[in-house]
Amino acid sequence: MAAPELLIPWADFLLCVALIAVAGNRLSRYGDVIAEKTGLSGSWIGLILLATATSLPELITGAAAVTAAGAPDIAAGDVLGSCVFNLVILVALDFLHRHESVYRRASQGHLLSAGFGIILLGLVGVNLLLADKHIVPTLGWVGLYSPLLGLLYLFSMRAVFLYEREQMAAFTEDMTEQYPGIRLRRAVMWYVAVAAVVVGAGVWLPSIGTTLAEVMGWNKSFVGTLFVAAATSMPELSVTIGAVRIRAVDMAIANLLGSNLFDLCILAIDDLAYLPGPLLSHVSSVHALSAFSAMVMTGIFIVGLLYRAGTRLFKTVGWVSIALLLVYLGNAYVLYLYDK
C-alpha cells in the first residue's frame, strides 16, 4: 500500500488524540471549578458530569454498531472492553501521582460506586453466559436485564449523591477558594464547549481506528473489541491526566468508575435500539470474559483502597496497579487467542 494512504489515517489519529488531550485537560479544570462553586464534591462531579461527557463516544459507537452497521458484537465489545480499559487507566493514574500511592490518597467513598459496578458487571456477565440457553426473560425484543441495568444505574447515582452530600455536610472546615476569578456561569459555558470537543473527537476516533485496522491489515474482530474500546476510552485517559495536574485525584477516579457505570447503561440503550432481539443473545459469549475481568479488576481496586499499601515497585506503581495491568493483559491475550 502506498505510503500516503498509510500516513493519512495515522495523521488523523494523532490530530484526534491531540484534540482530546487539550480539551480533556480543560474539562478537568472546569469540572473542578464547578465542584467548588456549587459546593458539590469532586467525586460527584467526576461521577456524573465528567463520566457522562467522556462516555458519549461509546454511546454513539454502540448505537451506530447495532443500527447502521448491524454489528452487535462491536457494540458489546466496545462497552465491556471500555470497562476493562478504564480500570487499567488507574495504573497510569498511580504512575503519574508521584507523591504517594494513589490508593492511599483516594477517598474510600469510591467503594460505593465500585460496588455498584461489580453488581452491574455481574448481571451482564451472567446474562451473556445464559443467552445461548434461551432462558433469559424478555420484554418484546429487549432482554429483561436492560431495564434492570437502567434502574440499577439510577439507583447507584442517587445512593452516591446522598452519600457525598452527607460527607460534605459533615465537613465543616473552611476551605480556601481556589478559583476566585471564575464565575460559575463562565465555568459551565467553557465546560460545555470543551466537552463538545472531547465528544466530537471521541466519536471520530473509532472510525479512524477502523480505517487503521483496514490499511494495516489487522484482524478486525480483535481490533474491534480492544482497539475501538481503547479509542473510545481516550477521553477518560485525557481527563485523568488533566485531573492529576490539578491534584484532583478523587475526580479522576470517580470519572473512571462513573464511566463504567454509564457504559453498562449504554448496553441497555443498545439493546433497545437492536430490533432483531435481545442484544446479548446475538453476541459471542466470549464477551463475558471482559465482564468478569472488569469485575476482578474492580475487586482489586477495592482491596487496594481498603488496604492502602504504600509500597511502590522501583518508585513507580504499587502492587495493586501491577495486578490490574496483569488482568488487563490476560484478558487481551485470551481474546486474541479466541479470535485466531
C-alpha atoms as a PDB file:
ATOM      1  CA  MET A   1       0.000   0.000   0.000  1.00  0.00           C
ATOM      2  CA  ALA A   2       1.225   3.494  -0.864  1.00  0.00           C
ATOM      3  CA  ALA A   3       2.841   5.488   1.915  1.00  0.00           C
ATOM      4  CA  PRO A   4       0.337   8.426   1.756  1.00  0.00           C
ATOM      5  CA  GLU A   5      -2.565   6.014   2.257  1.00  0.00           C
ATOM      6  CA  LEU A   6      -0.870   4.806   5.436  1.00  0.00           C
ATOM      7  CA  LEU A   7       0.105   8.265   6.671  1.00  0.00           C
ATOM      8  CA  ILE A   8      -3.328   9.899   6.372  1.00  0.00           C
ATOM      9  CA  PRO A   9      -5.134   7.718   8.955  1.00  0.00           C
ATOM     10  CA  TRP A  10      -2.151   7.953  11.325  1.00  0.00           C
ATOM     11  CA  ALA A  11      -2.144  11.750  10.941  1.00  0.00           C
ATOM     12  CA  ASP A  12      -5.904  11.813  11.657  1.00  0.00           C
ATOM     13  CA  PHE A  13      -5.342   9.635  14.705  1.00  0.00           C
ATOM     14  CA  LEU A  14      -2.622  11.910  16.118  1.00  0.00           C
ATOM     15  CA  LEU A  15      -4.716  15.031  15.477  1.00  0.00           C
ATOM     16  CA  CYS A  16      -7.696  13.461  17.221  1.00  0.00           C
ATOM     17  CA  VAL A  17      -5.626  12.406  20.222  1.00  0.00           C
ATOM     18  CA  ALA A  18      -4.136  15.918  20.452  1.00  0.00           C
ATOM     19  CA  LEU A  19      -7.610  17.495  20.480  1.00  0.00           C
ATOM     20  CA  ILE A  20      -8.743  15.127  23.208  1.00  0.00           C
ATOM     21  CA  ALA A  21      -5.591  15.750  25.254  1.00  0.00           C
ATOM     22  CA  VAL A  22      -6.001  19.543  25.220  1.00  0.00           C
ATOM     23  CA  ALA A  23      -9.779  19.558  25.708  1.00  0.00           C
ATOM     24  CA  GLY A  24      -9.661  16.808  28.343  1.00  0.00           C
ATOM     25  CA  ASN A  25      -7.235  18.818  30.432  1.00  0.00           C
ATOM     26  CA  ARG A  26      -9.563  21.844  30.348  1.00  0.00           C
ATOM     27  CA  LEU A  27     -12.566  19.609  31.068  1.00  0.00           C
ATOM     28  CA  SER A  28     -10.965  18.512  34.339  1.00  0.00           C
ATOM     29  CA  ARG A  29     -10.175  22.100  35.331  1.00  0.00           C
ATOM     30  CA  TYR A  30     -13.663  23.446  34.690  1.00  0.00           C
ATOM     31  CA  GLY A  31     -15.172  20.389  36.357  1.00  0.00           C
ATOM     32  CA  ASP A  32     -13.129  21.293  39.435  1.00  0.00           C
ATOM     33  CA  VAL A  33     -14.365  24.888  39.236  1.00  0.00           C
ATOM     34  CA  ILE A  34     -17.997  23.707  39.042  1.00  0.00           C
ATOM     35  CA  ALA A  35     -17.414  21.442  42.049  1.00  0.00           C
ATOM     36  CA  GLU A  36     -16.092  24.403  44.055  1.00  0.00           C
ATOM     37  CA  LYS A  37     -18.772  26.903  43.006  1.00  0.00           C
ATOM     38  CA  THR A  38     -21.706  24.526  43.554  1.00  0.00           C
ATOM     39  CA  GLY A  39     -20.433  23.041  46.807  1.00  0.00           C
ATOM     40  CA  LEU A  40     -20.580  19.531  45.348  1.00  0.00           C
ATOM     41  CA  SER A  41     -17.680  17.147  45.839  1.00  0.00           C
ATOM     42  CA  GLY A  42     -15.124  16.456  43.138  1.00  0.00           C
ATOM     43  CA  SER A  43     -16.143  12.787  43.297  1.00  0.00           C
ATOM     44  CA  TRP A  44     -19.752  13.624  42.436  1.00  0.00           C
ATOM     45  CA  ILE A  45     -18.729  15.915  39.569  1.00  0.00           C
ATOM     46  CA  GLY A  46     -16.411  13.206  38.222  1.00  0.00           C
ATOM     47  CA  LEU A  47     -19.073  10.517  38.578  1.00  0.00           C
ATOM     48  CA  ILE A  48     -21.776  12.461  36.747  1.00  0.00           C
ATOM     49  CA  LEU A  49     -20.519  15.345  34.594  1.00  0.00           C
ATOM     50  CA  LEU A  50     -17.131  14.019  33.502  1.00  0.00           C
ATOM     51  CA  ALA A  51     -18.171  10.372  33.235  1.00  0.00           C
ATOM     52  CA  THR A  52     -21.187  11.206  31.077  1.00  0.00           C
ATOM     53  CA  ALA A  53     -19.211  13.508  28.761  1.00  0.00           C
ATOM     54  CA  THR A  54     -16.307  11.103  28.303  1.00  0.00           C
ATOM     55  CA  SER A  55     -18.618   8.090  27.742  1.00  0.00           C
ATOM     56  CA  LEU A  56     -20.666   9.649  24.933  1.00  0.00           C
ATOM     57  CA  PRO A  57     -18.323   8.201  22.255  1.00  0.00           C
ATOM     58  CA  GLU A  58     -19.257   4.700  23.476  1.00  0.00           C
ATOM     59  CA  LEU A  59     -22.938   5.660  23.213  1.00  0.00           C
ATOM     60  CA  ILE A  60     -22.587   6.920  19.634  1.00  0.00           C
ATOM     61  CA  THR A  61     -20.394   3.990  18.579  1.00  0.00           C
ATOM     62  CA  GLY A  62     -22.746   1.424  20.106  1.00  0.00           C
ATOM     63  CA  ALA A  63     -25.847   2.969  18.543  1.00  0.00           C
ATOM     64  CA  ALA A  64     -24.193   3.028  15.119  1.00  0.00           C
ATOM     65  CA  ALA A  65     -22.958  -0.558  15.505  1.00  0.00           C
ATOM     66  CA  VAL A  66     -26.398  -2.040  16.270  1.00  0.00           C
ATOM     67  CA  THR A  67     -28.342   0.052  13.739  1.00  0.00           C
ATOM     68  CA  ALA A  68     -26.399   1.166  10.660  1.00  0.00           C
ATOM     69  CA  ALA A  69     -23.664  -1.485  10.829  1.00  0.00           C
ATOM     70  CA  GLY A  70     -25.738  -4.352  12.213  1.00  0.00           C
ATOM     71  CA  ALA A  71     -22.731  -5.415  14.293  1.00  0.00           C
ATOM     72  CA  PRO A  72     -23.918  -6.209  17.848  1.00  0.00           C
ATOM     73  CA  ASP A  73     -20.551  -7.772  18.725  1.00  0.00           C
ATOM     74  CA  ILE A  74     -18.838  -4.426  18.140  1.00  0.00           C
ATOM     75  CA  ALA A  75     -21.319  -2.704  20.463  1.00  0.00           C
ATOM     76  CA  ALA A  76     -20.911  -5.268  23.253  1.00  0.00           C
ATOM     77  CA  GLY A  77     -17.142  -5.449  22.770  1.00  0.00           C
ATOM     78  CA  ASP A  78     -16.812  -1.664  22.859  1.00  0.00           C
ATOM     79  CA  VAL A  79     -18.785  -1.313  26.102  1.00  0.00           C
ATOM     80  CA  LEU A  80     -17.162  -4.170  28.010  1.00  0.00           C
ATOM     81  CA  GLY A  81     -13.719  -3.525  26.535  1.00  0.00           C
ATOM     82  CA  SER A  82     -14.033   0.106  27.633  1.00  0.00           C
ATOM     83  CA  CYS A  83     -14.868  -1.024  31.171  1.00  0.00           C
ATOM     84  CA  VAL A  84     -11.644  -3.038  31.281  1.00  0.00           C
ATOM     85  CA  PHE A  85      -9.598  -0.257  29.684  1.00  0.00           C
ATOM     86  CA  ASN A  86     -10.984   2.388  32.060  1.00  0.00           C
ATOM     87  CA  LEU A  87      -9.801   0.337  35.028  1.00  0.00           C
ATOM     88  CA  VAL A  88      -6.305  -0.101  33.608  1.00  0.00           C
ATOM     89  CA  ILE A  89      -6.120   3.712  33.362  1.00  0.00           C
ATOM     90  CA  LEU A  90      -5.809   3.527  37.162  1.00  0.00           C
ATOM     91  CA  VAL A  91      -2.295   2.205  36.539  1.00  0.00           C
ATOM     92  CA  ALA A  92      -1.416   5.403  34.647  1.00  0.00           C
ATOM     93  CA  LEU A  93      -3.035   7.442  37.417  1.00  0.00           C
ATOM     94  CA  ASP A  94      -0.908   5.676  40.035  1.00  0.00           C
ATOM     95  CA  PHE A  95       2.235   6.223  37.956  1.00  0.00           C
ATOM     96  CA  LEU A  96       1.535   9.930  37.402  1.00  0.00           C
ATOM     97  CA  HIS A  97       0.719  10.557  41.061  1.00  0.00           C
ATOM     98  CA  ARG A  98       4.337  10.753  42.175  1.00  0.00           C
ATOM     99  CA  HIS A  99       3.784  11.992  45.735  1.00  0.00           C
ATOM    100  CA  GLU A 100       2.341   8.745  47.097  1.00  0.00           C
ATOM    101  CA  SER A 101       0.297   5.717  46.073  1.00  0.00           C
ATOM    102  CA  VAL A 102      -2.985   6.875  44.584  1.00  0.00           C
ATOM    103  CA  TYR A 103      -4.783   4.220  46.640  1.00  0.00           C
ATOM    104  CA  ARG A 104      -3.611   5.907  49.859  1.00  0.00           C
ATOM    105  CA  ARG A 105      -4.710   9.311  48.612  1.00  0.00           C
ATOM    106  CA  ALA A 106      -8.167   8.365  47.254  1.00  0.00           C
ATOM    107  CA  SER A 107     -11.350   8.683  49.277  1.00  0.00           C
ATOM    108  CA  GLN A 108     -12.989   5.480  50.457  1.00  0.00           C
ATOM    109  CA  GLY A 109     -16.277   6.856  49.172  1.00  0.00           C
ATOM    110  CA  HIS A 110     -15.344   5.283  45.823  1.00  0.00           C
ATOM    111  CA  LEU A 111     -16.173   1.903  47.351  1.00  0.00           C
ATOM    112  CA  LEU A 112     -19.867   2.646  46.773  1.00  0.00           C
ATOM    113  CA  SER A 113     -19.612   3.231  43.027  1.00  0.00           C
ATOM    114  CA  ALA A 114     -17.105   0.357  42.679  1.00  0.00           C
ATOM    115  CA  GLY A 115     -19.550  -1.972  44.438  1.00  0.00           C
ATOM    116  CA  PHE A 116     -22.391  -0.967  42.129  1.00  0.00           C
ATOM    117  CA  GLY A 117     -20.035  -1.524  39.194  1.00  0.00           C
ATOM    118  CA  ILE A 118     -19.456  -5.130  40.270  1.00  0.00           C
ATOM    119  CA  ILE A 119     -23.224  -5.704  40.564  1.00  0.00           C
ATOM    120  CA  LEU A 120     -23.895  -4.379  37.054  1.00  0.00           C
ATOM    121  CA  LEU A 121     -20.958  -6.258  35.539  1.00  0.00           C
ATOM    122  CA  GLY A 122     -22.102  -9.479  37.210  1.00  0.00           C
ATOM    123  CA  LEU A 123     -25.610  -9.022  35.806  1.00  0.00           C
ATOM    124  CA  VAL A 124     -24.229  -8.566  32.291  1.00  0.00           C
ATOM    125  CA  GLY A 125     -21.749 -11.453  32.586  1.00  0.00           C
ATOM    126  CA  VAL A 126     -24.362 -13.945  33.809  1.00  0.00           C
ATOM    127  CA  ASN A 127     -26.796 -12.974  31.056  1.00  0.00           C
ATOM    128  CA  LEU A 128     -24.059 -13.387  28.440  1.00  0.00           C
ATOM    129  CA  LEU A 129     -23.462 -16.949  29.640  1.00  0.00           C
ATOM    130  CA  LEU A 130     -27.187 -17.767  29.751  1.00  0.00           C
ATOM    131  CA  ALA A 131     -28.092 -16.083  26.456  1.00  0.00           C
ATOM    132  CA  ASP A 132     -27.338 -19.119  24.263  1.00  0.00           C
ATOM    133  CA  LYS A 133     -29.502 -21.293  26.545  1.00  0.00           C
ATOM    134  CA  HIS A 134     -32.559 -19.199  25.590  1.00  0.00           C
ATOM    135  CA  ILE A 135     -33.695 -18.894  29.206  1.00  0.00           C
ATOM    136  CA  VAL A 136     -33.234 -15.131  29.612  1.00  0.00           C
ATOM    137  CA  PRO A 137     -36.652 -13.416  30.072  1.00  0.00           C
ATOM    138  CA  THR A 138     -37.521 -10.760  27.509  1.00  0.00           C
ATOM    139  CA  LEU A 139     -39.787  -7.738  27.191  1.00  0.00           C
ATOM    140  CA  GLY A 140     -40.629  -7.676  23.494  1.00  0.00           C
ATOM    141  CA  TRP A 141     -37.294  -7.590  21.668  1.00  0.00           C
ATOM    142  CA  VAL A 142     -35.435  -6.342  24.757  1.00  0.00           C
ATOM    143  CA  GLY A 143     -33.843  -8.552  27.395  1.00  0.00           C
ATOM    144  CA  LEU A 144     -35.157  -8.171  30.946  1.00  0.00           C
ATOM    145  CA  TYR A 145     -31.617  -7.299  32.023  1.00  0.00           C
ATOM    146  CA  SER A 146     -31.801  -3.958  30.174  1.00  0.00           C
ATOM    147  CA  PRO A 147     -34.436  -2.231  32.352  1.00  0.00           C
ATOM    148  CA  LEU A 148     -32.656  -3.728  35.379  1.00  0.00           C
ATOM    149  CA  LEU A 149     -29.385  -2.128  34.241  1.00  0.00           C
ATOM    150  CA  GLY A 150     -31.117   1.228  33.817  1.00  0.00           C
ATOM    151  CA  LEU A 151     -32.797   1.076  37.222  1.00  0.00           C
ATOM    152  CA  LEU A 152     -29.595  -0.018  38.961  1.00  0.00           C
ATOM    153  CA  TYR A 153     -27.693   2.839  37.304  1.00  0.00           C
ATOM    154  CA  LEU A 154     -30.218   5.428  38.520  1.00  0.00           C
ATOM    155  CA  PHE A 155     -30.262   3.876  41.993  1.00  0.00           C
ATOM    156  CA  SER A 156     -26.459   3.938  42.156  1.00  0.00           C
ATOM    157  CA  MET A 157     -26.362   7.630  41.179  1.00  0.00           C
ATOM    158  CA  ARG A 158     -28.885   8.506  43.876  1.00  0.00           C
ATOM    159  CA  ALA A 159     -27.053   6.434  46.509  1.00  0.00           C
ATOM    160  CA  VAL A 160     -23.699   8.059  45.714  1.00  0.00           C
ATOM    161  CA  PHE A 161     -25.265  11.533  45.688  1.00  0.00           C
ATOM    162  CA  LEU A 162     -26.818  11.030  49.125  1.00  0.00           C
ATOM    163  CA  TYR A 163     -23.552   9.645  50.471  1.00  0.00           C
ATOM    164  CA  GLU A 164     -21.494  12.535  49.087  1.00  0.00           C
ATOM    165  CA  ARG A 165     -24.000  15.097  50.396  1.00  0.00           C
ATOM    166  CA  GLU A 166     -23.744  13.585  53.852  1.00  0.00           C
ATOM    167  CA  GLN A 167     -19.960  13.660  53.676  1.00  0.00           C
ATOM    168  CA  MET A 168     -19.930  17.301  52.556  1.00  0.00           C
ATOM    169  CA  ALA A 169     -22.362  18.282  55.340  1.00  0.00           C
ATOM    170  CA  ALA A 170     -20.061  16.685  57.917  1.00  0.00           C
ATOM    171  CA  PHE A 171     -17.079  18.622  56.555  1.00  0.00           C
ATOM    172  CA  THR A 172     -17.113  21.865  58.484  1.00  0.00           C
ATOM    173  CA  GLU A 173     -13.565  23.106  57.924  1.00  0.00           C
ATOM    174  CA  ASP A 174     -13.347  26.359  55.987  1.00  0.00           C
ATOM    175  CA  MET A 175     -11.983  25.895  52.501  1.00  0.00           C
ATOM    176  CA  THR A 176      -9.880  28.465  50.650  1.00  0.00           C
ATOM    177  CA  GLU A 177     -11.422  29.436  47.324  1.00  0.00           C
ATOM    178  CA  GLN A 178      -9.166  28.194  44.531  1.00  0.00           C
ATOM    179  CA  TYR A 179     -10.865  29.929  41.595  1.00  0.00           C
ATOM    180  CA  PRO A 180     -11.989  33.390  42.808  1.00  0.00           C
ATOM    181  CA  GLY A 181     -11.742  34.912  39.339  1.00  0.00           C
ATOM    182  CA  ILE A 182     -14.002  32.413  37.566  1.00  0.00           C
ATOM    183  CA  ARG A 183     -17.786  32.644  37.862  1.00  0.00           C
ATOM    184  CA  LEU A 184     -19.988  29.530  37.794  1.00  0.00           C
ATOM    185  CA  ARG A 185     -21.753  30.594  34.584  1.00  0.00           C
ATOM    186  CA  ARG A 186     -18.457  31.037  32.765  1.00  0.00           C
ATOM    187  CA  ALA A 187     -17.188  27.687  34.059  1.00  0.00           C
ATOM    188  CA  VAL A 188     -20.344  25.921  32.851  1.00  0.00           C
ATOM    189  CA  MET A 189     -20.112  27.534  29.399  1.00  0.00           C
ATOM    190  CA  TRP A 190     -16.472  26.541  28.986  1.00  0.00           C
ATOM    191  CA  TYR A 191     -17.222  23.057  30.328  1.00  0.00           C
ATOM    192  CA  VAL A 192     -19.920  22.542  27.679  1.00  0.00           C
ATOM    193  CA  ALA A 193     -17.595  23.858  24.948  1.00  0.00           C
ATOM    194  CA  VAL A 194     -14.627  21.632  25.775  1.00  0.00           C
ATOM    195  CA  ALA A 195     -16.964  18.671  26.417  1.00  0.00           C
ATOM    196  CA  ALA A 196     -18.252  19.113  22.852  1.00  0.00           C
ATOM    197  CA  VAL A 197     -14.670  18.916  21.565  1.00  0.00           C
ATOM    198  CA  VAL A 198     -13.992  15.770  23.607  1.00  0.00           C
ATOM    199  CA  VAL A 199     -17.206  14.129  22.413  1.00  0.00           C
ATOM    200  CA  GLY A 200     -16.653  15.104  18.785  1.00  0.00           C
ATOM    201  CA  ALA A 201     -13.080  13.830  18.745  1.00  0.00           C
ATOM    202  CA  GLY A 202     -14.085  10.720  20.686  1.00  0.00           C
ATOM    203  CA  VAL A 203     -16.803   9.923  18.154  1.00  0.00           C
ATOM    204  CA  TRP A 204     -14.359  10.453  15.273  1.00  0.00           C
ATOM    205  CA  LEU A 205     -11.702   8.249  16.854  1.00  0.00           C
ATOM    206  CA  PRO A 206     -13.399   4.828  16.411  1.00  0.00           C
ATOM    207  CA  SER A 207     -13.835   5.385  12.664  1.00  0.00           C
ATOM    208  CA  ILE A 208     -10.157   6.269  12.453  1.00  0.00           C
ATOM    209  CA  GLY A 209      -9.347   3.069  14.335  1.00  0.00           C
ATOM    210  CA  THR A 210     -11.392   1.045  11.857  1.00  0.00           C
ATOM    211  CA  THR A 211      -9.553   2.667   8.945  1.00  0.00           C
ATOM    212  CA  LEU A 212      -6.196   1.922  10.583  1.00  0.00           C
ATOM    213  CA  ALA A 213      -7.197  -1.707  11.015  1.00  0.00           C
ATOM    214  CA  GLU A 214      -8.001  -1.952   7.309  1.00  0.00           C
ATOM    215  CA  VAL A 215      -4.893  -0.214   5.974  1.00  0.00           C
ATOM    216  CA  MET A 216      -2.590  -2.040   8.395  1.00  0.00           C
ATOM    217  CA  GLY A 217      -4.186  -5.423   7.742  1.00  0.00           C
ATOM    218  CA  TRP A 218      -5.038  -6.042  11.391  1.00  0.00           C
ATOM    219  CA  ASN A 219      -7.711  -8.531  12.449  1.00  0.00           C
ATOM    220  CA  LYS A 220     -10.999  -6.610  12.521  1.00  0.00           C
ATOM    221  CA  SER A 221     -12.686  -8.592  15.278  1.00  0.00           C
ATOM    222  CA  PHE A 222      -9.698  -8.323  17.622  1.00  0.00           C
ATOM    223  CA  VAL A 223      -9.267  -4.640  16.834  1.00  0.00           C
ATOM    224  CA  GLY A 224     -12.995  -4.024  17.203  1.00  0.00           C
ATOM    225  CA  THR A 225     -13.028  -5.336  20.752  1.00  0.00           C
ATOM    226  CA  LEU A 226      -9.740  -3.942  22.033  1.00  0.00           C
ATOM    227  CA  PHE A 227      -8.642  -1.095  19.759  1.00  0.00           C
ATOM    228  CA  VAL A 228     -12.060   0.556  19.363  1.00  0.00           C
ATOM    229  CA  ALA A 229     -12.662   0.211  23.112  1.00  0.00           C
ATOM    230  CA  ALA A 230      -9.313   1.863  23.816  1.00  0.00           C
ATOM    231  CA  ALA A 231     -10.096   4.574  21.251  1.00  0.00           C
ATOM    232  CA  THR A 232     -13.460   5.474  22.784  1.00  0.00           C
ATOM    233  CA  SER A 233     -11.808   5.498  26.241  1.00  0.00           C
ATOM    234  CA  MET A 234      -9.223   8.070  25.159  1.00  0.00           C
ATOM    235  CA  PRO A 235     -11.306  10.921  26.654  1.00  0.00           C
ATOM    236  CA  GLU A 236     -11.197   9.184  30.051  1.00  0.00           C
ATOM    237  CA  LEU A 237      -7.406   8.917  29.807  1.00  0.00           C
ATOM    238  CA  SER A 238      -7.078  12.585  28.872  1.00  0.00           C
ATOM    239  CA  VAL A 239      -9.369  13.733  31.695  1.00  0.00           C
ATOM    240  CA  THR A 240      -7.449  11.541  34.154  1.00  0.00           C
ATOM    241  CA  ILE A 241      -4.139  13.149  33.189  1.00  0.00           C
ATOM    242  CA  GLY A 242      -5.716  16.599  33.450  1.00  0.00           C
ATOM    243  CA  ALA A 243      -7.138  15.800  36.892  1.00  0.00           C
ATOM    244  CA  VAL A 244      -3.722  14.676  38.149  1.00  0.00           C
ATOM    245  CA  ARG A 245      -2.233  18.011  37.065  1.00  0.00           C
ATOM    246  CA  ILE A 246      -4.666  19.917  39.280  1.00  0.00           C
ATOM    247  CA  ARG A 247      -4.340  17.254  42.016  1.00  0.00           C
ATOM    248  CA  ALA A 248      -7.999  16.240  41.735  1.00  0.00           C
ATOM    249  CA  VAL A 249      -7.359  12.522  42.254  1.00  0.00           C
ATOM    250  CA  ASP A 250     -10.854  11.742  43.544  1.00  0.00           C
ATOM    251  CA  MET A 251     -12.381  13.408  40.498  1.00  0.00           C
ATOM    252  CA  ALA A 252     -10.216  11.278  38.197  1.00  0.00           C
ATOM    253  CA  ILE A 253     -11.134   8.011  39.925  1.00  0.00           C
ATOM    254  CA  ALA A 254     -14.826   8.935  40.074  1.00  0.00           C
ATOM    255  CA  ASN A 255     -14.704   9.665  36.338  1.00  0.00           C
ATOM    256  CA  LEU A 256     -13.329   6.182  35.593  1.00  0.00           C
ATOM    257  CA  LEU A 257     -15.755   4.331  37.861  1.00  0.00           C
ATOM    258  CA  GLY A 258     -18.660   6.520  36.729  1.00  0.00           C
ATOM    259  CA  SER A 259     -17.785   5.899  33.081  1.00  0.00           C
ATOM    260  CA  ASN A 260     -18.038   2.156  33.693  1.00  0.00           C
ATOM    261  CA  LEU A 261     -21.477   2.537  35.261  1.00  0.00           C
ATOM    262  CA  PHE A 262     -22.655   4.726  32.374  1.00  0.00           C
ATOM    263  CA  ASP A 263     -21.124   2.359  29.791  1.00  0.00           C
ATOM    264  CA  LEU A 264     -23.133  -0.559  31.202  1.00  0.00           C
ATOM    265  CA  CYS A 265     -26.253   1.589  30.999  1.00  0.00           C
ATOM    266  CA  ILE A 266     -25.332   2.213  27.339  1.00  0.00           C
ATOM    267  CA  LEU A 267     -25.552  -1.566  26.830  1.00  0.00           C
ATOM    268  CA  ALA A 268     -29.238  -1.321  27.764  1.00  0.00           C
ATOM    269  CA  ILE A 269     -29.727   1.530  25.273  1.00  0.00           C
ATOM    270  CA  ASP A 270     -28.015  -0.529  22.551  1.00  0.00           C
ATOM    271  CA  ASP A 271     -30.351  -3.424  23.376  1.00  0.00           C
ATOM    272  CA  LEU A 272     -33.349  -1.136  22.895  1.00  0.00           C
ATOM    273  CA  ALA A 273     -32.012   0.016  19.513  1.00  0.00           C
ATOM    274  CA  TYR A 274     -31.239  -3.523  18.321  1.00  0.00           C
ATOM    275  CA  LEU A 275     -34.589  -4.697  16.885  1.00  0.00           C
ATOM    276  CA  PRO A 276     -33.730  -8.334  15.878  1.00  0.00           C
ATOM    277  CA  GLY A 277     -33.931  -9.395  19.528  1.00  0.00           C
ATOM    278  CA  PRO A 278     -32.147  -9.255  22.895  1.00  0.00           C
ATOM    279  CA  LEU A 279     -28.666  -7.890  22.211  1.00  0.00           C
ATOM    280  CA  LEU A 280     -26.781 -10.327  24.452  1.00  0.00           C
ATOM    281  CA  SER A 281     -28.450 -13.273  22.673  1.00  0.00           C
ATOM    282  CA  HIS A 282     -26.875 -12.145  19.381  1.00  0.00           C
ATOM    283  CA  VAL A 283     -23.274 -11.678  20.509  1.00  0.00           C
ATOM    284  CA  SER A 284     -20.432 -14.063  21.322  1.00  0.00           C
ATOM    285  CA  SER A 285     -20.333 -15.408  24.864  1.00  0.00           C
ATOM    286  CA  VAL A 286     -16.596 -14.574  24.927  1.00  0.00           C
ATOM    287  CA  HIS A 287     -17.618 -11.033  25.925  1.00  0.00           C
ATOM    288  CA  ALA A 288     -18.376 -12.495  29.352  1.00  0.00           C
ATOM    289  CA  LEU A 289     -14.594 -12.742  29.769  1.00  0.00           C
ATOM    290  CA  SER A 290     -14.308  -8.955  29.593  1.00  0.00           C
ATOM    291  CA  ALA A 291     -17.232  -8.534  32.004  1.00  0.00           C
ATOM    292  CA  PHE A 292     -15.671 -10.857  34.577  1.00  0.00           C
ATOM    293  CA  SER A 293     -12.202  -9.370  34.016  1.00  0.00           C
ATOM    294  CA  ALA A 294     -13.652  -5.936  34.806  1.00  0.00           C
ATOM    295  CA  MET A 295     -15.267  -7.425  37.928  1.00  0.00           C
ATOM    296  CA  VAL A 296     -11.912  -8.836  39.093  1.00  0.00           C
ATOM    297  CA  MET A 297     -10.167  -5.531  38.381  1.00  0.00           C
ATOM    298  CA  THR A 298     -12.815  -3.599  40.319  1.00  0.00           C
ATOM    299  CA  GLY A 299     -12.339  -6.046  43.203  1.00  0.00           C
ATOM    300  CA  ILE A 300      -8.580  -5.449  43.099  1.00  0.00           C
ATOM    301  CA  PHE A 301      -9.210  -1.696  43.238  1.00  0.00           C
ATOM    302  CA  ILE A 302     -11.462  -2.153  46.301  1.00  0.00           C
ATOM    303  CA  VAL A 303      -8.771  -4.225  48.044  1.00  0.00           C
ATOM    304  CA  GLY A 304      -6.179  -1.549  47.261  1.00  0.00           C
ATOM    305  CA  LEU A 305      -8.444   1.208  48.550  1.00  0.00           C
ATOM    306  CA  LEU A 306      -9.068  -0.623  51.839  1.00  0.00           C
ATOM    307  CA  TYR A 307      -5.545  -1.959  52.353  1.00  0.00           C
ATOM    308  CA  ARG A 308      -3.899   1.363  51.351  1.00  0.00           C
ATOM    309  CA  ALA A 309      -0.500  -0.167  50.712  1.00  0.00           C
ATOM    310  CA  GLY A 310       2.196   2.464  50.223  1.00  0.00           C
ATOM    311  CA  THR A 311       4.862   0.226  48.687  1.00  0.00           C
ATOM    312  CA  ARG A 312       5.846   1.224  45.153  1.00  0.00           C
ATOM    313  CA  LEU A 313       7.894  -1.027  42.908  1.00  0.00           C
ATOM    314  CA  PHE A 314      11.002   0.809  41.702  1.00  0.00           C
ATOM    315  CA  LYS A 315       9.279   4.033  42.829  1.00  0.00           C
ATOM    316  CA  THR A 316       6.749   3.744  40.007  1.00  0.00           C
ATOM    317  CA  VAL A 317       3.486   1.941  40.846  1.00  0.00           C
ATOM    318  CA  GLY A 318       2.183  -0.291  43.632  1.00  0.00           C
ATOM    319  CA  TRP A 319       1.305  -3.973  43.556  1.00  0.00           C
ATOM    320  CA  VAL A 320      -2.385  -3.109  43.078  1.00  0.00           C
ATOM    321  CA  SER A 321      -1.585  -1.406  39.778  1.00  0.00           C
ATOM    322  CA  ILE A 322       0.607  -4.332  38.720  1.00  0.00           C
ATOM    323  CA  ALA A 323      -2.290  -6.706  39.393  1.00  0.00           C
ATOM    324  CA  LEU A 324      -4.676  -4.514  37.373  1.00  0.00           C
ATOM    325  CA  LEU A 325      -2.257  -4.465  34.445  1.00  0.00           C
ATOM    326  CA  LEU A 326      -1.790  -8.246  34.533  1.00  0.00           C
ATOM    327  CA  VAL A 327      -5.547  -8.881  34.432  1.00  0.00           C
ATOM    328  CA  TYR A 328      -5.915  -6.445  31.522  1.00  0.00           C
ATOM    329  CA  LEU A 329      -3.101  -8.115  29.553  1.00  0.00           C
ATOM    330  CA  GLY A 330      -4.504 -11.553  30.345  1.00  0.00           C
ATOM    331  CA  ASN A 331      -7.928 -10.517  29.080  1.00  0.00           C
ATOM    332  CA  ALA A 332      -6.419  -9.112  25.869  1.00  0.00           C
ATOM    333  CA  TYR A 333      -4.318 -12.229  25.284  1.00  0.00           C
ATOM    334  CA  VAL A 334      -7.226 -14.652  25.738  1.00  0.00           C
ATOM    335  CA  LEU A 335      -9.394 -12.573  23.394  1.00  0.00           C
ATOM    336  CA  TYR A 336      -6.577 -12.654  20.836  1.00  0.00           C
ATOM    337  CA  LEU A 337      -6.274 -16.466  21.101  1.00  0.00           C
ATOM    338  CA  TYR A 338     -10.042 -16.880  20.876  1.00  0.00           C
ATOM    339  CA  ASP A 339     -10.194 -14.795  17.717  1.00  0.00           C
ATOM    340  CA  LYS A 340      -7.443 -16.690  15.885  1.00  0.00           C
END
